[in-house]
Amino acid sequence: MIYSLDKLNEMAEGDSDFINSVISVFLEEVPEDLAALETAIEAQDYENIYKLAHKIKPNVDLLGMDQTRATALEIETLGKNPENSSEEIERKFPLLKKDIHQVISELKKDFQV
């Protein structure tokens, strides 16, 4: 398991509806943001690379995905400074994509959605 509900449980203070809501939003929004990020990378649209990586970062952070958050932060930073960062972004994105897809799969299984 590459996610942890510790942060979310702490924020929720026992409110399972809140936890389910956050999980639902993650499952809805993050795949869309990830697909848009992939499109932005292909187009070398650095402004959107920055914005989308920035948007993904707190979502993975909430689920305790520290390594994934670090990768999103690196992509975000590279999107801010596009000079010679294309190769580095293309090298890091598959790691981000793999981790997010794995967590989506685990969340769907764990929460029966």
PDB file of N, CA and C in Angstrom:
ATOM      1  N   MET A   1       0.858  -1.185   0.000  1.00  0.00           N
ATOM      2  CA  MET A   1       0.000   0.000   0.000  1.00  0.00           C
ATOM      3  C   MET A   1       0.901   1.244   0.000  1.00  0.00           C
ATOM      4  N   ILE A   2       0.696   2.112  -0.963  1.00  0.00           N
ATOM      5  CA  ILE A   2       1.534   3.312  -1.018  1.00  0.00           C
ATOM      6  C   ILE A   2       0.771   4.550  -0.570  1.00  0.00           C
ATOM      7  N   TYR A   3      -0.399   4.347   0.019  1.00  0.00           N
ATOM      8  CA  TYR A   3      -1.088   5.495   0.593  1.00  0.00           C
ATOM      9  C   TYR A   3      -1.354   5.215   2.064  1.00  0.00           C
ATOM     10  N   SER A   4      -1.616   6.278   2.798  1.00  0.00           N
ATOM     11  CA  SER A   4      -1.901   6.172   4.225  1.00  0.00           C
ATOM     12  C   SER A   4      -3.025   7.156   4.540  1.00  0.00           C
ATOM     13  N   LEU A   5      -3.955   6.720   5.347  1.00  0.00           N
ATOM     14  CA  LEU A   5      -5.071   7.595   5.711  1.00  0.00           C
ATOM     15  C   LEU A   5      -4.814   8.348   7.016  1.00  0.00           C
ATOM     16  N   ASP A   6      -3.573   8.310   7.528  1.00  0.00           N
ATOM     17  CA  ASP A   6      -3.272   8.947   8.815  1.00  0.00           C
ATOM     18  C   ASP A   6      -3.625  10.441   8.828  1.00  0.00           C
ATOM     19  N   LYS A   7      -3.147  11.192   7.824  1.00  0.00           N
ATOM     20  CA  LYS A   7      -3.444  12.639   7.767  1.00  0.00           C
ATOM     21  C   LYS A   7      -4.941  12.873   7.650  1.00  0.00           C
ATOM     22  N   LEU A   8      -5.563  12.099   6.791  1.00  0.00           N
ATOM     23  CA  LEU A   8      -6.994  12.243   6.543  1.00  0.00           C
ATOM     24  C   LEU A   8      -7.793  11.914   7.806  1.00  0.00           C
ATOM     25  N   ASN A   9      -7.434  10.845   8.493  1.00  0.00           N
ATOM     26  CA  ASN A   9      -8.117  10.480   9.730  1.00  0.00           C
ATOM     27  C   ASN A   9      -7.954  11.561  10.794  1.00  0.00           C
ATOM     28  N   GLU A  10      -6.768  12.141  10.839  1.00  0.00           N
ATOM     29  CA  GLU A  10      -6.523  13.215  11.802  1.00  0.00           C
ATOM     30  C   GLU A  10      -7.407  14.424  11.495  1.00  0.00           C
ATOM     31  N   MET A  11      -7.513  14.776  10.219  1.00  0.00           N
ATOM     32  CA  MET A  11      -8.352  15.907   9.815  1.00  0.00           C
ATOM     33  C   MET A  11      -9.835  15.605  10.035  1.00  0.00           C
ATOM     34  N   ALA A  12     -10.225  14.362   9.761  1.00  0.00           N
ATOM     35  CA  ALA A  12     -11.640  13.988   9.803  1.00  0.00           C
ATOM     36  C   ALA A  12     -12.181  13.866  11.221  1.00  0.00           C
ATOM     37  N   GLU A  13     -11.308  13.599  12.168  1.00  0.00           N
ATOM     38  CA  GLU A  13     -11.719  13.423  13.561  1.00  0.00           C
ATOM     39  C   GLU A  13     -12.888  12.447  13.681  1.00  0.00           C
ATOM     40  N   GLY A  14     -12.758  11.310  12.993  1.00  0.00           N
ATOM     41  CA  GLY A  14     -13.774  10.266  13.092  1.00  0.00           C
ATOM     42  C   GLY A  14     -14.954  10.413  12.145  1.00  0.00           C
ATOM     43  N   ASP A  15     -14.956  11.420  11.307  1.00  0.00           N
ATOM     44  CA  ASP A  15     -16.070  11.653  10.371  1.00  0.00           C
ATOM     45  C   ASP A  15     -15.843  10.822   9.102  1.00  0.00           C
ATOM     46  N   SER A  16     -16.464   9.659   9.041  1.00  0.00           N
ATOM     47  CA  SER A  16     -16.254   8.765   7.895  1.00  0.00           C
ATOM     48  C   SER A  16     -16.838   9.341   6.609  1.00  0.00           C
ATOM     49  N   ASP A  17     -17.882  10.183   6.715  1.00  0.00           N
ATOM     50  CA  ASP A  17     -18.432  10.825   5.521  1.00  0.00           C
ATOM     51  C   ASP A  17     -17.395  11.754   4.888  1.00  0.00           C
ATOM     52  N   PHE A  18     -16.646  12.464   5.730  1.00  0.00           N
ATOM     53  CA  PHE A  18     -15.594  13.353   5.233  1.00  0.00           C
ATOM     54  C   PHE A  18     -14.525  12.548   4.504  1.00  0.00           C
ATOM     55  N   ILE A  19     -14.108  11.445   5.106  1.00  0.00           N
ATOM     56  CA  ILE A  19     -13.085  10.590   4.491  1.00  0.00           C
ATOM     57  C   ILE A  19     -13.578  10.075   3.145  1.00  0.00           C
ATOM     58  N   ASN A  20     -14.802   9.561   3.106  1.00  0.00           N
ATOM     59  CA  ASN A  20     -15.365   9.054   1.850  1.00  0.00           C
ATOM     60  C   ASN A  20     -15.474  10.150   0.802  1.00  0.00           C
ATOM     61  N   SER A  21     -15.803  11.361   1.237  1.00  0.00           N
ATOM     62  CA  SER A  21     -15.905  12.497   0.312  1.00  0.00           C
ATOM     63  C   SER A  21     -14.545  12.827  -0.299  1.00  0.00           C
ATOM     64  N   VAL A  22     -13.506  12.855   0.532  1.00  0.00           N
ATOM     65  CA  VAL A  22     -12.155  13.157   0.038  1.00  0.00           C
ATOM     66  C   VAL A  22     -11.701  12.070  -0.937  1.00  0.00           C
ATOM     67  N   ILE A  23     -11.979  10.815  -0.606  1.00  0.00           N
ATOM     68  CA  ILE A  23     -11.605   9.698  -1.482  1.00  0.00           C
ATOM     69  C   ILE A  23     -12.340   9.828  -2.822  1.00  0.00           C
ATOM     70  N   SER A  24     -13.634  10.152  -2.769  1.00  0.00           N
ATOM     71  CA  SER A  24     -14.425  10.317  -3.999  1.00  0.00           C
ATOM     72  C   SER A  24     -13.870  11.428  -4.873  1.00  0.00           C
ATOM     73  N   VAL A  25     -13.533  12.551  -4.257  1.00  0.00           N
ATOM     74  CA  VAL A  25     -12.974  13.683  -5.006  1.00  0.00           C
ATOM     75  C   VAL A  25     -11.640  13.275  -5.624  1.00  0.00           C
ATOM     76  N   PHE A  26     -10.817  12.573  -4.867  1.00  0.00           N
ATOM     77  CA  PHE A  26      -9.537  12.101  -5.387  1.00  0.00           C
ATOM     78  C   PHE A  26      -9.760  11.228  -6.612  1.00  0.00           C
ATOM     79  N   LEU A  27     -10.665  10.268  -6.500  1.00  0.00           N
ATOM     80  CA  LEU A  27     -10.915   9.332  -7.607  1.00  0.00           C
ATOM     81  C   LEU A  27     -11.529  10.016  -8.825  1.00  0.00           C
ATOM     82  N   GLU A  28     -12.228  11.123  -8.595  1.00  0.00           N
ATOM     83  CA  GLU A  28     -12.846  11.858  -9.700  1.00  0.00           C
ATOM     84  C   GLU A  28     -11.864  12.806 -10.379  1.00  0.00           C
ATOM     85  N   GLU A  29     -11.189  13.612  -9.571  1.00  0.00           N
ATOM     86  CA  GLU A  29     -10.403  14.726 -10.101  1.00  0.00           C
ATOM     87  C   GLU A  29      -8.980  14.348 -10.512  1.00  0.00           C
ATOM     88  N   VAL A  30      -8.322  13.536  -9.709  1.00  0.00           N
ATOM     89  CA  VAL A  30      -6.905  13.278  -9.956  1.00  0.00           C
ATOM     90  C   VAL A  30      -6.660  12.574 -11.299  1.00  0.00           C
ATOM     91  N   PRO A  31      -7.471  11.572 -11.677  1.00  0.00           N
ATOM     92  CA  PRO A  31      -7.235  10.978 -13.008  1.00  0.00           C
ATOM     93  C   PRO A  31      -7.394  11.994 -14.143  1.00  0.00           C
ATOM     94  N   GLU A  32      -8.354  12.914 -13.998  1.00  0.00           N
ATOM     95  CA  GLU A  32      -8.543  13.954 -15.013  1.00  0.00           C
ATOM     96  C   GLU A  32      -7.337  14.897 -15.047  1.00  0.00           C
ATOM     97  N   ASP A  33      -6.873  15.289 -13.866  1.00  0.00           N
ATOM     98  CA  ASP A  33      -5.711  16.179 -13.783  1.00  0.00           C
ATOM     99  C   ASP A  33      -4.460  15.498 -14.329  1.00  0.00           C
ATOM    100  N   LEU A  34      -4.327  14.216 -14.041  1.00  0.00           N
ATOM    101  CA  LEU A  34      -3.170  13.456 -14.519  1.00  0.00           C
ATOM    102  C   LEU A  34      -3.178  13.365 -16.048  1.00  0.00           C
ATOM    103  N   ALA A  35      -4.350  13.110 -16.633  1.00  0.00           N
ATOM    104  CA  ALA A  35      -4.467  13.049 -18.095  1.00  0.00           C
ATOM    105  C   ALA A  35      -4.160  14.416 -18.714  1.00  0.00           C
ATOM    106  N   ALA A  36      -4.658  15.483 -18.073  1.00  0.00           N
ATOM    107  CA  ALA A  36      -4.383  16.834 -18.575  1.00  0.00           C
ATOM    108  C   ALA A  36      -2.894  17.159 -18.453  1.00  0.00           C
ATOM    109  N   LEU A  37      -2.266  16.687 -17.373  1.00  0.00           N
ATOM    110  CA  LEU A  37      -0.825  16.899 -17.202  1.00  0.00           C
ATOM    111  C   LEU A  37      -0.045  16.180 -18.296  1.00  0.00           C
ATOM    112  N   GLU A  38      -0.453  14.966 -18.618  1.00  0.00           N
ATOM    113  CA  GLU A  38       0.225  14.216 -19.682  1.00  0.00           C
ATOM    114  C   GLU A  38       0.111  14.955 -21.012  1.00  0.00           C
ATOM    115  N   THR A  39      -1.059  15.488 -21.288  1.00  0.00           N
ATOM    116  CA  THR A  39      -1.282  16.265 -22.514  1.00  0.00           C
ATOM    117  C   THR A  39      -0.408  17.526 -22.514  1.00  0.00           C
ATOM    118  N   ALA A  40      -0.333  18.197 -21.374  1.00  0.00           N
ATOM    119  CA  ALA A  40       0.493  19.408 -21.269  1.00  0.00           C
ATOM    120  C   ALA A  40       1.973  19.085 -21.480  1.00  0.00           C
ATOM    121  N   ILE A  41       2.400  17.937 -20.957  1.00  0.00           N
ATOM    122  CA  ILE A  41       3.801  17.528 -21.137  1.00  0.00           C
ATOM    123  C   ILE A  41       4.087  17.257 -22.613  1.00  0.00           C
ATOM    124  N   GLU A  42       3.170  16.551 -23.255  1.00  0.00           N
ATOM    125  CA  GLU A  42       3.341  16.260 -24.690  1.00  0.00           C
ATOM    126  C   GLU A  42       3.409  17.542 -25.511  1.00  0.00           C
ATOM    127  N   ALA A  43       2.620  18.549 -25.109  1.00  0.00           N
ATOM    128  CA  ALA A  43       2.577  19.823 -25.829  1.00  0.00           C
ATOM    129  C   ALA A  43       3.680  20.789 -25.368  1.00  0.00           C
ATOM    130  N   GLN A  44       4.454  20.382 -24.367  1.00  0.00           N
ATOM    131  CA  GLN A  44       5.453  21.248 -23.746  1.00  0.00           C
ATOM    132  C   GLN A  44       4.841  22.579 -23.306  1.00  0.00           C
ATOM    133  N   ASP A  45       3.647  22.471 -22.716  1.00  0.00           N
ATOM    134  CA  ASP A  45       2.907  23.615 -22.191  1.00  0.00           C
ATOM    135  C   ASP A  45       3.293  23.780 -20.716  1.00  0.00           C
ATOM    136  N   TYR A  46       4.394  24.477 -20.495  1.00  0.00           N
ATOM    137  CA  TYR A  46       4.989  24.530 -19.164  1.00  0.00           C
ATOM    138  C   TYR A  46       4.107  25.223 -18.133  1.00  0.00           C
ATOM    139  N   GLU A  47       3.334  26.213 -18.554  1.00  0.00           N
ATOM    140  CA  GLU A  47       2.439  26.884 -17.605  1.00  0.00           C
ATOM    141  C   GLU A  47       1.419  25.883 -17.046  1.00  0.00           C
ATOM    142  N   ASN A  48       0.830  25.077 -17.930  1.00  0.00           N
ATOM    143  CA  ASN A  48      -0.133  24.085 -17.461  1.00  0.00           C
ATOM    144  C   ASN A  48       0.546  22.915 -16.740  1.00  0.00           C
ATOM    145  N   ILE A  49       1.761  22.573 -17.128  1.00  0.00           N
ATOM    146  CA  ILE A  49       2.510  21.545 -16.392  1.00  0.00           C
ATOM    147  C   ILE A  49       2.639  22.002 -14.940  1.00  0.00           C
ATOM    148  N   TYR A  50       3.052  23.239 -14.758  1.00  0.00           N
ATOM    149  CA  TYR A  50       3.194  23.797 -13.415  1.00  0.00           C
ATOM    150  C   TYR A  50       1.867  23.764 -12.662  1.00  0.00           C
ATOM    151  N   LYS A  51       0.807  24.286 -13.285  1.00  0.00           N
ATOM    152  CA  LYS A  51      -0.503  24.388 -12.618  1.00  0.00           C
ATOM    153  C   LYS A  51      -1.064  23.017 -12.245  1.00  0.00           C
ATOM    154  N   LEU A  52      -0.977  22.068 -13.162  1.00  0.00           N
ATOM    155  CA  LEU A  52      -1.565  20.743 -12.915  1.00  0.00           C
ATOM    156  C   LEU A  52      -0.769  19.960 -11.868  1.00  0.00           C
ATOM    157  N   ALA A  53       0.549  20.035 -11.924  1.00  0.00           N
ATOM    158  CA  ALA A  53       1.362  19.365 -10.899  1.00  0.00           C
ATOM    159  C   ALA A  53       1.081  19.997  -9.537  1.00  0.00           C
ATOM    160  N   HIS A  54       0.915  21.309  -9.520  1.00  0.00           N
ATOM    161  CA  HIS A  54       0.599  22.024  -8.291  1.00  0.00           C
ATOM    162  C   HIS A  54      -0.758  21.577  -7.740  1.00  0.00           C
ATOM    163  N   LYS A  55      -1.711  21.331  -8.617  1.00  0.00           N
ATOM    164  CA  LYS A  55      -3.052  20.908  -8.221  1.00  0.00           C
ATOM    165  C   LYS A  55      -3.072  19.462  -7.714  1.00  0.00           C
ATOM    166  N   ILE A  56      -2.259  18.613  -8.300  1.00  0.00           N
ATOM    167  CA  ILE A  56      -2.201  17.201  -7.903  1.00  0.00           C
ATOM    168  C   ILE A  56      -1.528  17.040  -6.535  1.00  0.00           C
ATOM    169  N   LYS A  57      -0.552  17.882  -6.267  1.00  0.00           N
ATOM    170  CA  LYS A  57       0.289  17.751  -5.073  1.00  0.00           C
ATOM    171  C   LYS A  57      -0.487  17.650  -3.758  1.00  0.00           C
ATOM    172  N   PRO A  58      -1.434  18.545  -3.451  1.00  0.00           N
ATOM    173  CA  PRO A  58      -2.130  18.421  -2.162  1.00  0.00           C
ATOM    174  C   PRO A  58      -3.027  17.183  -2.085  1.00  0.00           C
ATOM    175  N   ASN A  59      -3.526  16.743  -3.222  1.00  0.00           N
ATOM    176  CA  ASN A  59      -4.379  15.545  -3.221  1.00  0.00           C
ATOM    177  C   ASN A  59      -3.593  14.303  -2.819  1.00  0.00           C
ATOM    178  N   VAL A  60      -2.396  14.151  -3.363  1.00  0.00           N
ATOM    179  CA  VAL A  60      -1.592  12.986  -3.000  1.00  0.00           C
ATOM    180  C   VAL A  60      -1.022  13.151  -1.590  1.00  0.00           C
ATOM    181  N   ASP A  61      -0.786  14.393  -1.186  1.00  0.00           N
ATOM    182  CA  ASP A  61      -0.290  14.656   0.165  1.00  0.00           C
ATOM    183  C   ASP A  61      -1.314  14.231   1.214  1.00  0.00           C
ATOM    184  N   LEU A  62      -2.575  14.524   0.965  1.00  0.00           N
ATOM    185  CA  LEU A  62      -3.651  14.135   1.895  1.00  0.00           C
ATOM    186  C   LEU A  62      -3.677  12.635   2.144  1.00  0.00           C
ATOM    187  N   LEU A  63      -3.287  11.885   1.139  1.00  0.00           N
ATOM    188  CA  LEU A  63      -3.306  10.425   1.260  1.00  0.00           C
ATOM    189  C   LEU A  63      -1.942   9.879   1.693  1.00  0.00           C
ATOM    190  N   GLY A  64      -1.095  10.743   2.215  1.00  0.00           N
ATOM    191  CA  GLY A  64       0.180  10.308   2.754  1.00  0.00           C
ATOM    192  C   GLY A  64       1.139   9.745   1.720  1.00  0.00           C
ATOM    193  N   MET A  65       0.960  10.132   0.469  1.00  0.00           N
ATOM    194  CA  MET A  65       1.808   9.634  -0.620  1.00  0.00           C
ATOM    195  C   MET A  65       3.031  10.547  -0.749  1.00  0.00           C
ATOM    196  N   ASP A  66       3.940  10.449   0.214  1.00  0.00           N
ATOM    197  CA  ASP A  66       5.057  11.385   0.298  1.00  0.00           C
ATOM    198  C   ASP A  66       5.972  11.349  -0.920  1.00  0.00           C
ATOM    199  N   GLN A  67       6.293  10.159  -1.390  1.00  0.00           N
ATOM    200  CA  GLN A  67       7.171  10.040  -2.558  1.00  0.00           C
ATOM    201  C   GLN A  67       6.489  10.621  -3.802  1.00  0.00           C
ATOM    202  N   THR A  68       5.202  10.361  -3.947  1.00  0.00           N
ATOM    203  CA  THR A  68       4.442  10.874  -5.086  1.00  0.00           C
ATOM    204  C   THR A  68       4.335  12.392  -5.006  1.00  0.00           C
ATOM    205  N   ARG A  69       4.139  12.919  -3.794  1.00  0.00           N
ATOM    206  CA  ARG A  69       4.075  14.362  -3.592  1.00  0.00           C
ATOM    207  C   ARG A  69       5.408  14.986  -4.006  1.00  0.00           C
ATOM    208  N   ALA A  70       6.515  14.349  -3.626  1.00  0.00           N
ATOM    209  CA  ALA A  70       7.842  14.865  -3.978  1.00  0.00           C
ATOM    210  C   ALA A  70       8.023  14.894  -5.501  1.00  0.00           C
ATOM    211  N   THR A  71       7.549  13.861  -6.179  1.00  0.00           N
ATOM    212  CA  THR A  71       7.650  13.814  -7.644  1.00  0.00           C
ATOM    213  C   THR A  71       6.807  14.924  -8.268  1.00  0.00           C
ATOM    214  N   ALA A  72       5.585  15.116  -7.752  1.00  0.00           N
ATOM    215  CA  ALA A  72       4.718  16.190  -8.259  1.00  0.00           C
ATOM    216  C   ALA A  72       5.370  17.550  -8.036  1.00  0.00           C
ATOM    217  N   LEU A  73       6.007  17.728  -6.887  1.00  0.00           N
ATOM    218  CA  LEU A  73       6.697  18.988  -6.599  1.00  0.00           C
ATOM    219  C   LEU A  73       7.854  19.214  -7.573  1.00  0.00           C
ATOM    220  N   GLU A  74       8.599  18.154  -7.870  1.00  0.00           N
ATOM    221  CA  GLU A  74       9.707  18.277  -8.829  1.00  0.00           C
ATOM    222  C   GLU A  74       9.185  18.678 -10.209  1.00  0.00           C
ATOM    223  N   ILE A  75       8.091  18.046 -10.644  1.00  0.00           N
ATOM    224  CA  ILE A  75       7.502  18.387 -11.954  1.00  0.00           C
ATOM    225  C   ILE A  75       6.992  19.818 -11.929  1.00  0.00           C
ATOM    226  N   GLU A  76       6.353  20.207 -10.823  1.00  0.00           N
ATOM    227  CA  GLU A  76       5.857  21.583 -10.677  1.00  0.00           C
ATOM    228  C   GLU A  76       7.011  22.574 -10.803  1.00  0.00           C
ATOM    229  N   THR A  77       8.097  22.317 -10.104  1.00  0.00           N
ATOM    230  CA  THR A  77       9.267  23.199 -10.128  1.00  0.00           C
ATOM    231  C   THR A  77       9.873  23.256 -11.528  1.00  0.00           C
ATOM    232  N   LEU A  78       9.968  22.105 -12.182  1.00  0.00           N
ATOM    233  CA  LEU A  78      10.503  22.062 -13.546  1.00  0.00           C
ATOM    234  C   LEU A  78       9.593  22.823 -14.512  1.00  0.00           C
ATOM    235  N   GLY A  79       8.289  22.778 -14.286  1.00  0.00           N
ATOM    236  CA  GLY A  79       7.348  23.508 -15.133  1.00  0.00           C
ATOM    237  C   GLY A  79       7.503  25.013 -14.993  1.00  0.00           C
ATOM    238  N   LYS A  80       7.947  25.437 -13.806  1.00  0.00           N
ATOM    239  CA  LYS A  80       8.187  26.860 -13.554  1.00  0.00           C
ATOM    240  C   LYS A  80       9.447  27.356 -14.250  1.00  0.00           C
ATOM    241  N   ASN A  81      10.401  26.453 -14.432  1.00  0.00           N
ATOM    242  CA  ASN A  81      11.687  26.796 -15.033  1.00  0.00           C
ATOM    243  C   ASN A  81      11.929  25.914 -16.260  1.00  0.00           C
ATOM    244  N   PRO A  82      11.259  26.222 -17.370  1.00  0.00           N
ATOM    245  CA  PRO A  82      11.240  25.295 -18.501  1.00  0.00           C
ATOM    246  C   PRO A  82      12.553  25.110 -19.259  1.00  0.00           C
ATOM    247  N   GLU A  83      13.543  25.959 -19.022  1.00  0.00           N
ATOM    248  CA  GLU A  83      14.782  25.827 -19.778  1.00  0.00           C
ATOM    249  C   GLU A  83      15.391  24.442 -19.535  1.00  0.00           C
ATOM    250  N   ASN A  84      15.468  23.668 -20.592  1.00  0.00           N
ATOM    251  CA  ASN A  84      16.103  22.344 -20.550  1.00  0.00           C
ATOM    252  C   ASN A  84      15.476  21.363 -19.562  1.00  0.00           C
ATOM    253  N   SER A  85      14.192  21.544 -19.224  1.00  0.00           N
ATOM    254  CA  SER A  85      13.579  20.654 -18.241  1.00  0.00           C
ATOM    255  C   SER A  85      12.674  19.598 -18.879  1.00  0.00           C
ATOM    256  N   SER A  86      12.493  19.659 -20.186  1.00  0.00           N
ATOM    257  CA  SER A  86      11.588  18.740 -20.874  1.00  0.00           C
ATOM    258  C   SER A  86      11.942  17.278 -20.618  1.00  0.00           C
ATOM    259  N   GLU A  87      13.218  16.931 -20.785  1.00  0.00           N
ATOM    260  CA  GLU A  87      13.646  15.545 -20.588  1.00  0.00           C
ATOM    261  C   GLU A  87      13.433  15.090 -19.156  1.00  0.00           C
ATOM    262  N   GLU A  88      13.731  15.961 -18.222  1.00  0.00           N
ATOM    263  CA  GLU A  88      13.582  15.635 -16.799  1.00  0.00           C
ATOM    264  C   GLU A  88      12.102  15.409 -16.458  1.00  0.00           C
ATOM    265  N   ILE A  89      11.225  16.250 -16.979  1.00  0.00           N
ATOM    266  CA  ILE A  89       9.791  16.079 -16.754  1.00  0.00           C
ATOM    267  C   ILE A  89       9.335  14.745 -17.346  1.00  0.00           C
ATOM    268  N   GLU A  90       9.768  14.471 -18.559  1.00  0.00           N
ATOM    269  CA  GLU A  90       9.366  13.225 -19.219  1.00  0.00           C
ATOM    270  C   GLU A  90       9.914  11.996 -18.491  1.00  0.00           C
ATOM    271  N   ARG A  91      11.006  12.170 -17.775  1.00  0.00           N
ATOM    272  CA  ARG A  91      11.575  11.064 -17.002  1.00  0.00           C
ATOM    273  C   ARG A  91      10.793  10.844 -15.688  1.00  0.00           C
ATOM    274  N   LYS A  92      10.324  11.924 -15.085  1.00  0.00           N
ATOM    275  CA  LYS A  92       9.646  11.840 -13.791  1.00  0.00           C
ATOM    276  C   LYS A  92       8.157  11.514 -13.918  1.00  0.00           C
ATOM    277  N   PHE A  93       7.518  11.954 -14.989  1.00  0.00           N
ATOM    278  CA  PHE A  93       6.076  11.774 -15.114  1.00  0.00           C
ATOM    279  C   PHE A  93       5.624  10.313 -15.011  1.00  0.00           C
ATOM    280  N   PRO A  94       6.303   9.361 -15.671  1.00  0.00           N
ATOM    281  CA  PRO A  94       5.848   7.965 -15.557  1.00  0.00           C
ATOM    282  C   PRO A  94       5.810   7.452 -14.114  1.00  0.00           C
ATOM    283  N   LEU A  95       6.709   7.935 -13.266  1.00  0.00           N
ATOM    284  CA  LEU A  95       6.703   7.551 -11.847  1.00  0.00           C
ATOM    285  C   LEU A  95       5.445   8.073 -11.168  1.00  0.00           C
ATOM    286  N   LEU A  96       5.127   9.325 -11.437  1.00  0.00           N
ATOM    287  CA  LEU A  96       3.921   9.944 -10.884  1.00  0.00           C
ATOM    288  C   LEU A  96       2.681   9.192 -11.343  1.00  0.00           C
ATOM    289  N   LYS A  97       2.630   8.930 -12.639  1.00  0.00           N
ATOM    290  CA  LYS A  97       1.475   8.245 -13.232  1.00  0.00           C
ATOM    291  C   LYS A  97       1.299   6.843 -12.642  1.00  0.00           C
ATOM    292  N   LYS A  98       2.395   6.106 -12.524  1.00  0.00           N
ATOM    293  CA  LYS A  98       2.348   4.742 -11.998  1.00  0.00           C
ATOM    294  C   LYS A  98       1.828   4.732 -10.561  1.00  0.00           C
ATOM    295  N   ASP A  99       2.373   5.600  -9.725  1.00  0.00           N
ATOM    296  CA  ASP A  99       1.953   5.659  -8.322  1.00  0.00           C
ATOM    297  C   ASP A  99       0.481   6.034  -8.190  1.00  0.00           C
ATOM    298  N   ILE A 100       0.051   7.025  -8.947  1.00  0.00           N
ATOM    299  CA  ILE A 100      -1.342   7.468  -8.856  1.00  0.00           C
ATOM    300  C   ILE A 100      -2.278   6.363  -9.334  1.00  0.00           C
ATOM    301  N   HIS A 101      -1.942   5.710 -10.438  1.00  0.00           N
ATOM    302  CA  HIS A 101      -2.804   4.618 -10.919  1.00  0.00           C
ATOM    303  C   HIS A 101      -2.860   3.472  -9.913  1.00  0.00           C
ATOM    304  N   GLN A 102      -1.741   3.187  -9.264  1.00  0.00           N
ATOM    305  CA  GLN A 102      -1.728   2.131  -8.252  1.00  0.00           C
ATOM    306  C   GLN A 102      -2.638   2.495  -7.082  1.00  0.00           C
ATOM    307  N   VAL A 103      -2.578   3.747  -6.626  1.00  0.00           N
ATOM    308  CA  VAL A 103      -3.406   4.183  -5.503  1.00  0.00           C
ATOM    309  C   VAL A 103      -4.880   4.206  -5.890  1.00  0.00           C
ATOM    310  N   ILE A 104      -5.177   4.632  -7.095  1.00  0.00           N
ATOM    311  CA  ILE A 104      -6.567   4.617  -7.555  1.00  0.00           C
ATOM    312  C   ILE A 104      -7.111   3.194  -7.490  1.00  0.00           C
ATOM    313  N   SER A 105      -6.337   2.257  -7.977  1.00  0.00           N
ATOM    314  CA  SER A 105      -6.730   0.857  -7.953  1.00  0.00           C
ATOM    315  C   SER A 105      -6.935   0.365  -6.513  1.00  0.00           C
ATOM    316  N   GLU A 106      -5.997   0.688  -5.626  1.00  0.00           N
ATOM    317  CA  GLU A 106      -6.102   0.282  -4.230  1.00  0.00           C
ATOM    318  C   GLU A 106      -7.302   0.920  -3.542  1.00  0.00           C
ATOM    319  N   LEU A 107      -7.529   2.219  -3.797  1.00  0.00           N
ATOM    320  CA  LEU A 107      -8.660   2.904  -3.172  1.00  0.00           C
ATOM    321  C   LEU A 107      -9.997   2.306  -3.627  1.00  0.00           C
ATOM    322  N   LYS A 108     -10.092   2.023  -4.906  1.00  0.00           N
ATOM    323  CA  LYS A 108     -11.338   1.426  -5.425  1.00  0.00           C
ATOM    324  C   LYS A 108     -11.596   0.087  -4.762  1.00  0.00           C
ATOM    325  N   LYS A 109     -10.541  -0.683  -4.578  1.00  0.00           N
ATOM    326  CA  LYS A 109     -10.678  -1.982  -3.931  1.00  0.00           C
ATOM    327  C   LYS A 109     -11.004  -1.817  -2.432  1.00  0.00           C
ATOM    328  N   ASP A 110     -10.252  -0.960  -1.757  1.00  0.00           N
ATOM    329  CA  ASP A 110     -10.412  -0.785  -0.310  1.00  0.00           C
ATOM    330  C   ASP A 110     -11.733  -0.146   0.070  1.00  0.00           C
ATOM    331  N   PHE A 111     -12.267   0.729  -0.776  1.00  0.00           N
ATOM    332  CA  PHE A 111     -13.508   1.432  -0.474  1.00  0.00           C
ATOM    333  C   PHE A 111     -14.700   0.917  -1.296  1.00  0.00           C
ATOM    334  N   GLN A 112     -14.495  -0.159  -2.005  1.00  0.00           N
ATOM    335  CA  GLN A 112     -15.530  -0.778  -2.843  1.00  0.00           C
ATOM    336  C   GLN A 112     -16.279   0.235  -3.715  1.00  0.00           C
ATOM    337  N   VAL A 113     -15.516   1.025  -4.467  1.00  0.00           N
ATOM    338  CA  VAL A 113     -16.145   1.990  -5.395  1.00  0.00           C
ATOM    339  C   VAL A 113     -15.739   1.701  -6.823  1.00  0.00           C
TER     340      VAL A 113
END
